[in-house]
C-alpha cells in the first residue's frame, strides 16, 4: 500500500460532501482496490486491480481510524 497516496485519497473522500469520490488513473484506482480489500473503504463495482478509475462509496470506521492515526503521525515533528 502506498501510504501517502492512501492518506491523500482518504482525505479527499472525507472532504467530499457527496459521500462518493471518483479517482482516476491506474495507480489511484489500484490504491482504492487495495484500500477496499483492507476494509478501509467501500468501493463501487467494478473495483479490479487493473482499473483506470474507481469510486469510493464510503469510508469505513477502520478507514476513519487509519486516516486519523496517519494524520496524527504526520503532525509529529521530525528530528
Protein backbone atom coordinates (compact mmCIF):
# COMPACT_ATOMS: atom_id res chain seq x y z
CA UNK A 1 0.00 0.00 0.00
CA UNK A 2 1.26 3.45 -0.92
CA UNK A 3 0.63 5.20 2.42
CA UNK A 4 0.96 8.81 1.21
CA UNK A 5 -1.43 8.11 -1.68
CA UNK A 6 -3.88 6.26 0.59
CA UNK A 7 -3.78 9.20 3.03
CA UNK A 8 -4.47 11.68 0.21
CA UNK A 9 -7.35 9.61 -1.19
CA UNK A 10 -8.91 9.20 2.26
CA UNK A 11 -8.56 12.94 2.89
CA UNK A 12 -10.22 13.73 -0.44
CA UNK A 13 -13.01 11.25 0.35
CA UNK A 14 -13.57 12.76 3.80
CA UNK A 15 -13.75 16.25 2.30
CA UNK A 16 -16.25 15.20 -0.41
CA UNK A 17 -19.76 16.12 0.80
CA UNK A 18 -21.46 13.77 -1.70
CA UNK A 19 -20.18 10.71 0.13
CA UNK A 20 -18.67 9.27 -3.03
CA UNK A 21 -15.31 10.01 -4.56
CA UNK A 22 -14.20 9.06 -8.06
CA UNK A 23 -10.48 8.67 -8.57
CA UNK A 24 -8.84 8.43 -11.97
CA UNK A 25 -5.58 6.88 -13.01
CA UNK A 26 -4.33 3.35 -12.69
CA UNK A 27 -2.22 4.00 -9.56
CA UNK A 28 -5.03 5.76 -7.65
CA UNK A 29 -7.63 3.18 -8.75
CA UNK A 30 -5.32 0.36 -7.67
CA UNK A 31 -4.86 2.05 -4.31
CA UNK A 32 -8.65 2.21 -3.86
CA UNK A 33 -8.79 -1.50 -4.70
CA UNK A 34 -6.17 -2.25 -2.02
CA UNK A 35 -7.93 0.00 0.49
CA UNK A 36 -11.23 -1.81 -0.17
CA UNK A 37 -9.50 -5.19 0.23
CA UNK A 38 -8.08 -3.96 3.56
CA UNK A 39 -11.53 -2.84 4.74
CA UNK A 40 -10.70 0.88 4.84
CA UNK A 41 -13.30 1.88 2.23
CA UNK A 42 -16.27 0.52 0.34
CA UNK A 43 -15.90 0.87 -3.41
CA UNK A 44 -18.43 0.65 -6.24
CA UNK A 45 -18.04 -2.15 -8.75
CA UNK A 46 -16.09 -2.76 -10.80
CA UNK A 47 -13.15 -2.50 -8.49
CA UNK A 48 -10.49 -4.52 -10.26
CA UNK A 49 -6.76 -4.29 -9.54
CA UNK A 50 -6.04 -3.03 -13.08
CA UNK A 51 -8.87 -0.49 -13.48
CA UNK A 52 -8.24 3.11 -14.59
CA UNK A 53 -10.80 4.62 -12.22
CA UNK A 54 -12.59 3.70 -9.02
CA UNK A 55 -15.38 5.11 -6.90
CA UNK A 56 -15.29 5.14 -3.11
CA UNK A 57 -18.85 4.93 -1.84
CA UNK A 58 -17.96 5.33 1.81
CA UNK A 59 -15.11 5.27 4.29
CA UNK A 60 -15.42 2.53 6.89
CA UNK A 61 -14.86 3.02 10.61
CA UNK A 62 -11.43 1.42 10.17
CA UNK A 63 -10.70 3.84 7.32
CA UNK A 64 -11.53 6.84 9.50
CA UNK A 65 -9.30 5.46 12.26
CA UNK A 66 -6.46 4.85 9.79
CA UNK A 67 -6.77 8.40 8.42
CA UNK A 68 -6.77 9.99 11.89
CA UNK A 69 -3.80 7.89 13.03
CA UNK A 70 -1.81 8.74 9.90
CA UNK A 71 -2.73 12.45 10.20
CA UNK A 72 -1.59 12.47 13.83
CA UNK A 73 1.65 10.72 12.90
CA UNK A 74 2.36 13.31 10.19
CA UNK A 75 1.89 16.15 12.69
CA UNK A 76 4.77 14.96 14.90
CA UNK A 77 7.97 16.97 14.38
CA UNK A 78 10.73 15.04 12.63
CA UNK A 79 14.23 15.24 14.07
